[in-house]
Every structure is written in C-alpha cells, then in structure tokens.
Protein backbone atom coordinates (compact mmCIF):
# COMPACT_ATOMS: atom_id res chain seq x y z
CA MET A 1 11.45 13.96 -11.46
CA LEU A 2 12.46 13.40 -7.87
CA GLY A 3 13.07 9.93 -6.53
CA TYR A 4 15.48 7.18 -5.67
CA LEU A 5 17.10 5.67 -8.72
CA ASP A 6 18.29 2.70 -6.69
CA THR A 7 15.21 1.85 -4.65
CA LEU A 8 12.19 2.75 -6.73
CA SER A 9 10.99 0.84 -9.73
CA ALA A 10 8.67 1.91 -12.50
CA LEU A 11 7.88 -1.76 -12.98
CA GLU A 12 5.83 -1.73 -9.78
CA GLY A 13 3.68 1.21 -10.82
CA GLU A 14 3.49 4.59 -12.48
CA VAL A 15 4.50 7.69 -10.56
CA GLN A 16 1.29 9.47 -9.64
CA LYS A 17 0.51 13.16 -9.50
CA GLY A 18 -0.27 14.16 -5.93
CA GLU A 19 -3.82 15.31 -5.35
CA THR A 20 -3.38 17.55 -2.34
CA SER A 21 -5.26 20.40 -0.75
CA PRO A 22 -4.15 23.99 -1.63
CA PHE A 23 -1.86 24.02 1.43
CA CYS A 24 0.41 21.11 2.24
CA LEU A 25 2.89 20.36 4.96
CA ALA A 26 5.95 18.16 5.13
CA LYS A 27 5.49 15.31 7.59
CA PRO A 28 6.61 16.58 11.05
CA ASP A 29 9.34 13.99 11.53
CA ARG A 30 10.90 15.04 8.24
CA LEU A 31 10.82 18.81 8.74
CA SER A 32 14.45 18.52 9.84
CA ARG A 33 15.34 17.78 6.23
CA ARG A 34 14.85 21.45 5.51
CA PHE A 35 17.49 22.40 8.04
CA GLY A 36 19.79 19.39 8.44
CA ASN A 37 22.42 17.75 6.28
CA VAL A 38 19.98 15.38 4.59
CA ASN A 39 19.88 15.71 0.82
CA TRP A 40 16.27 16.87 0.66
CA TRP A 41 16.23 16.89 -3.13
CA LYS A 42 17.23 13.22 -3.17
CA ASP A 43 14.77 12.21 -0.45
CA GLY A 44 12.03 14.16 -2.13
CA PRO A 45 9.16 16.12 -0.60
CA VAL A 46 6.82 14.14 1.62
CA LEU A 47 3.58 16.09 1.54
CA TYR A 48 0.44 15.47 3.50
CA PRO A 49 -2.96 17.18 3.54
CA PHE A 50 -3.13 20.23 5.77
CA ASP A 51 -5.30 18.70 8.54
CA GLU A 52 -7.00 20.36 11.52
CA ARG A 53 -4.01 20.17 13.86
CA TRP A 54 -1.75 21.92 11.38
CA GLN A 55 -4.47 24.41 10.45
CA THR A 56 -4.58 25.48 14.10
CA MET A 57 -0.80 25.74 14.33
CA PHE A 58 -0.66 27.62 11.02
CA ILE A 59 -3.20 30.18 12.21
CA LEU A 60 -1.50 30.72 15.56
CA LEU A 61 1.91 31.04 13.92
CA SER A 62 0.56 33.41 11.29
CA VAL A 63 -1.03 35.72 13.86
CA GLY A 64 2.06 35.72 16.07
CA VAL A 65 4.48 36.32 13.24
CA LEU A 66 2.43 39.05 11.60
CA ARG A 67 2.21 40.96 14.88
CA ARG A 68 5.93 40.92 15.54
CA MET A 69 7.67 40.89 12.17
CA ARG A 70 7.55 42.68 8.94
CA TYR A 71 4.92 41.46 6.53
CA LEU A 72 7.36 40.34 3.85
CA PHE A 73 9.44 38.29 6.25
CA ALA A 74 6.27 36.69 7.66
CA VAL A 75 5.14 35.66 4.20
CA LEU A 76 8.54 34.18 3.40
CA LEU A 77 8.58 32.27 6.68
CA MET A 78 5.13 30.79 6.12
CA PHE A 79 6.00 29.89 2.54
CA PHE A 80 9.16 28.15 3.76
CA LEU A 81 7.43 26.13 6.49
CA PHE A 82 4.14 25.54 4.68
CA PRO A 83 4.83 25.04 0.97
CA ILE A 84 1.96 25.93 -1.31
CA CYS A 85 1.32 22.95 -3.52
CA GLY A 86 -1.73 23.87 -5.51
CA PHE A 87 0.43 22.84 -8.45
CA SER A 88 0.54 19.06 -8.71
CA GLU A 89 3.93 17.63 -7.80
CA ASP A 90 5.44 14.31 -8.76
CA THR A 91 5.45 12.01 -5.78
CA VAL A 92 7.11 8.65 -5.43
CA VAL A 93 5.84 5.48 -3.83
CA PRO A 94 8.39 3.23 -2.13
CA VAL A 95 8.65 -0.30 -3.51
CA ARG A 96 9.24 -3.18 -1.12
CA ARG A 97 11.90 -5.84 -1.50
CA THR A 98 10.81 -8.97 -3.31
CA GLY A 99 12.15 -11.38 -0.70
CA GLN A 100 14.60 -12.98 -3.14
CA SER A 101 17.98 -13.43 -1.43
CA THR A 102 19.66 -15.94 -3.75
CA SER A 103 21.70 -14.39 -6.54
CA TYR A 104 21.80 -16.12 -9.94
CA ARG A 105 23.93 -13.52 -11.72
CA THR A 106 25.86 -10.40 -10.74
CA GLY A 107 23.57 -7.39 -10.58
CA ASP A 108 20.32 -9.34 -10.26
CA ASP A 109 17.65 -8.84 -7.61
CA GLY A 110 19.05 -11.45 -5.28
CA ALA A 111 22.41 -9.69 -5.27
CA LEU A 112 21.19 -6.11 -4.90
CA GLN A 113 18.03 -6.67 -2.84
CA GLU A 114 16.76 -3.17 -3.53
CA GLY A 115 13.58 -1.82 -2.03
CA VAL A 116 12.02 -1.19 1.35
CA VAL A 117 13.35 -3.60 3.98
CA TRP A 118 10.71 -5.89 5.46
CA PRO A 119 9.87 -5.51 9.16
CA SER A 120 11.47 -8.02 11.53
CA PHE A 121 7.96 -9.34 12.16
CA ARG A 122 6.25 -9.17 8.80
CA PHE A 123 2.81 -10.22 10.06
CA THR A 124 0.84 -9.78 13.27
CA ASP A 125 -1.96 -12.19 14.15
CA ASN A 126 -4.70 -9.96 15.56
CA ARG A 127 -6.33 -12.96 17.31
CA ASP A 128 -9.70 -12.05 15.84
CA GLY A 129 -9.50 -13.99 12.60
CA THR A 130 -7.47 -11.27 10.88
CA VAL A 131 -3.77 -10.69 10.17
CA ARG A 132 -1.99 -7.36 9.78
CA ASP A 133 0.82 -7.02 7.26
CA ASN A 134 3.30 -4.74 9.00
CA LEU A 135 4.94 -3.86 5.68
CA THR A 136 1.87 -2.66 3.79
CA ARG A 137 -0.46 -2.09 6.78
CA LEU A 138 -3.13 -4.09 5.02
CA VAL A 139 -5.29 -6.42 7.11
CA TRP A 140 -6.12 -9.82 5.62
CA MET A 141 -8.53 -12.54 6.59
CA ARG A 142 -6.44 -15.10 8.45
CA ASN A 143 -8.33 -17.98 6.85
CA ALA A 144 -7.40 -17.75 3.16
CA GLY A 145 -9.58 -20.67 2.13
CA CYS A 146 -13.12 -19.70 3.08
CA TRP A 147 -14.33 -19.30 -0.48
CA ALA A 148 -13.05 -21.55 -3.21
CA GLY A 149 -14.16 -21.52 -6.80
CA LEU A 150 -16.30 -18.42 -7.45
CA PRO A 151 -16.81 -16.32 -10.57
CA TRP A 152 -15.52 -12.75 -10.28
CA ALA A 153 -18.95 -11.14 -9.76
CA ASN A 154 -19.78 -13.67 -7.07
CA ALA A 155 -16.44 -12.97 -5.40
CA LEU A 156 -17.34 -9.29 -5.14
CA SER A 157 -20.83 -10.01 -3.84
CA THR A 158 -19.45 -12.52 -1.32
CA VAL A 159 -17.18 -9.86 0.16
CA ALA A 160 -20.12 -7.46 0.24
CA GLY A 161 -22.06 -10.14 2.10
CA LEU A 162 -19.22 -10.45 4.59
CA ASN A 163 -19.62 -6.75 5.36
CA ALA A 164 -23.39 -7.06 5.57
CA GLY A 165 -23.18 -10.00 7.96
CA THR A 166 -24.84 -12.47 5.60
CA VAL A 167 -21.63 -14.36 4.79
CA SER A 168 -19.25 -15.96 7.29
CA CYS A 169 -15.70 -17.28 7.36
CA SER A 170 -14.44 -19.90 9.80
CA GLY A 171 -12.33 -18.36 12.57
CA TYR A 172 -13.72 -14.87 12.06
CA THR A 173 -16.68 -13.36 13.90
CA THR A 174 -19.01 -11.94 11.30
CA GLY A 175 -19.70 -8.26 11.81
CA THR A 176 -16.39 -7.48 13.49
CA HIS A 177 -15.46 -5.29 10.51
CA THR A 178 -17.59 -3.89 7.70
CA ASP A 179 -14.98 -2.57 5.29
CA TRP A 180 -13.74 -5.78 3.65
CA ARG A 181 -13.09 -5.73 -0.08
CA LEU A 182 -11.60 -7.82 -2.83
CA PRO A 183 -7.91 -6.76 -3.08
CA GLN A 184 -6.64 -4.98 -6.14
CA ILE A 185 -3.87 -6.81 -7.97
CA ARG A 186 -0.92 -4.91 -6.45
CA GLU A 187 -2.22 -5.54 -2.95
CA LEU A 188 -2.55 -9.22 -3.69
CA SER A 189 0.93 -9.46 -5.17
CA SER A 190 2.40 -7.59 -2.17
CA LEU A 191 2.08 -10.84 -0.20
CA ILE A 192 4.46 -12.73 -2.46
CA ASP A 193 7.96 -13.75 -1.40
CA ALA A 194 9.91 -14.20 -4.63
CA GLY A 195 12.36 -16.46 -2.82
CA HIS A 196 9.73 -19.15 -2.26
CA VAL A 197 7.80 -21.53 -4.46
CA SER A 198 5.02 -24.07 -3.92
CA MET A 199 3.66 -21.55 -1.44
CA ALA A 200 5.03 -18.16 -2.39
CA LEU A 201 4.40 -16.48 0.95
CA PRO A 202 6.99 -15.22 3.46
CA SER A 203 8.29 -17.73 5.98
CA GLY A 204 6.49 -17.76 9.31
CA HIS A 205 3.26 -16.28 7.99
CA PRO A 206 0.25 -16.94 10.26
CA PHE A 207 -2.33 -17.59 7.53
CA SER A 208 -4.34 -20.79 7.44
CA ASN A 209 -6.01 -22.87 4.72
CA ILE A 210 -3.90 -21.42 1.91
CA LEU A 211 -5.26 -22.66 -1.40
CA LEU A 212 -2.49 -23.36 -3.89
CA GLY A 213 -3.97 -21.82 -6.95
CA TYR A 214 -5.18 -18.50 -8.34
CA TYR A 215 -6.97 -15.81 -6.31
CA TRP A 216 -9.16 -13.11 -7.79
CA SER A 217 -8.25 -9.44 -7.62
CA ALA A 218 -10.74 -6.58 -7.98
CA THR A 219 -8.77 -5.23 -10.94
CA THR A 220 -10.26 -5.57 -14.41
CA TYR A 221 -7.93 -6.41 -17.30
CA ALA A 222 -7.98 -3.26 -19.46
CA SER A 223 -7.18 -5.03 -22.75
CA ASN A 224 -10.27 -7.18 -22.34
CA THR A 225 -12.76 -5.96 -19.73
CA GLY A 226 -14.41 -9.35 -19.66
CA ASN A 227 -11.29 -10.52 -17.83
CA ALA A 228 -9.83 -9.67 -14.42
CA TRP A 229 -6.34 -9.95 -12.97
CA LEU A 230 -5.55 -12.87 -10.68
CA MET A 231 -2.53 -14.25 -8.86
CA SER A 232 -1.27 -17.71 -7.98
CA LEU A 233 -0.01 -18.49 -4.49
CA ILE A 234 1.96 -21.41 -5.91
CA ASP A 235 4.63 -19.21 -7.46
CA GLY A 236 3.29 -15.64 -7.43
CA ASN A 237 2.42 -15.71 -11.12
CA VAL A 238 0.10 -12.87 -12.15
CA SER A 239 -2.26 -13.46 -15.03
CA ASP A 240 -5.77 -12.71 -16.21
CA ASP A 241 -8.79 -14.80 -17.08
CA ARG A 242 -12.46 -14.58 -17.89
CA LYS A 243 -14.58 -13.19 -15.08
CA THR A 244 -16.95 -16.11 -15.53
CA ASN A 245 -14.29 -18.62 -14.51
CA TYR A 246 -13.88 -19.87 -10.96
CA TYR A 247 -11.06 -18.79 -8.64
CA TYR A 248 -10.39 -18.27 -4.94
CA VAL A 249 -11.32 -15.27 -2.78
CA TRP A 250 -9.22 -13.59 -0.08
CA PRO A 251 -10.66 -10.38 1.41
CA VAL A 252 -8.56 -7.46 2.64
CA ARG A 253 -9.07 -4.28 4.63
CA GLY A 254 -7.16 -1.02 4.97
CA GLY A 255 -4.79 0.69 2.58
CA GLN A 256 -4.98 4.17 1.09
C-alpha cells in the first residue's frame, strides 16, 4: 500500500478504494513527479476523473501522435501519460494536524506534530453569515447556536427546512444557499483544536454563539442504529447517544 508512514493515520479513517472512470489522469501540477527527482512511489499517485478538458487534450494528442509515430510507441506514450486505472487502486487521504503543540512525553503528538499543516488563516468570514474552513474547504454557518436542543430527526428536518427557506438562522439570509446538511462525524471533529479546552476550537475563529455542549452529526452509530454520533465543543469528545435525545445543530456545506 502506498502512503506516508509519518503523516497518515489509520486512526482517522480507513484507506478507501478509488472509484474512478476507466481513464484517469495525474493532477497537472504533479505530472512533474513522473519526470523529476520526486519519489513518486512515496508521494503516491494522485488520480482524478478524466474530465472534458483532458478528454479534448487526450484526443488531440492521440490523433497527432498516431499520425507521426509508430503505433506501438504511441500506445506506450499514451499509457505513460494517461494511466489506465480501471483496476481500483489504493488511495490515501491526508490527515490534518490536531493543533496540539505542547509535548507531554517524547514521541507524542505535541512533539511530532504530524499531519497536514494548517493554513496561516484557518478560517475566512464570508460576510454572508457563513465561514469557510481553509483547511477542509467546508463552509459552516457562522452562527453556531441557532438551534439548541433538538432530537436527531428534527435536526435533519431543520437543516432541510433551511434549504427550503422555511427555517432561518440569525445573521444568515435564508435562501442564500440550498445545499446545507448536518455534518458527518469526521467533518464535525475536523473543527477541533486538540490544544484547547473549554472551547476546543482554533484560536481566532470567527464563529459566534458557540454552545458548549454536544452537537449532532449525521452519522448513525453502527453498533446501535437507534443512536447517532455527536461531538462536544467543550473538549472535542466524540460519543454517541439515543437519537431521541436533544443536542445542538450546526449545518455545513461543501466537501466531497
């Protein structure tokens, strides 16, 4: 399996099999890895669906090459530049740093600080009632306290109402976006700064009305499907509880 031993953690999630189209292409800014001194096998293949722009380039290149070169060489060239990945390949997902900078023992997280480095400006206030996380590219409601104390099903329907324009949140103009959703548990936990407590969010965040308690995720607890995962903004603790119990709601947009 390809991947970074020092920056990727199986604790954050399973390695997924890539579901790609029959033809894939390495991201343009990393094509140099095939020719440069970068250890491509360490960095791993970065494959993206073969979209319309690359389809056009592929066709033009194919026609030009086939007209001017021997068939075998043309096939080898196209295979080299446009790897066929009908076979599923292991892909890796980068894991961000936790935010913990204090070391409590040699070799711990605070000492090593492994993971993707946070942007200099972690959050951007979009000035429309939303905030963009520049690390995950998720967009959150700026007001994190619009809905307090809802059962899980009501949390989902409240977010649906936000998209339909029947539910509002102070500071946000209803109808501006229609793709809000309840975050899954990894998205919710991505906000946590493990170096903080009593409000486990990164310093300088622009969010308002943070409720110090547990927030619902959209993720059901597999061991007991009557429960769902939730996370506390007091200390980042992740737990589960009955879907009929009452917890806070914080909508999100974006992601893949």
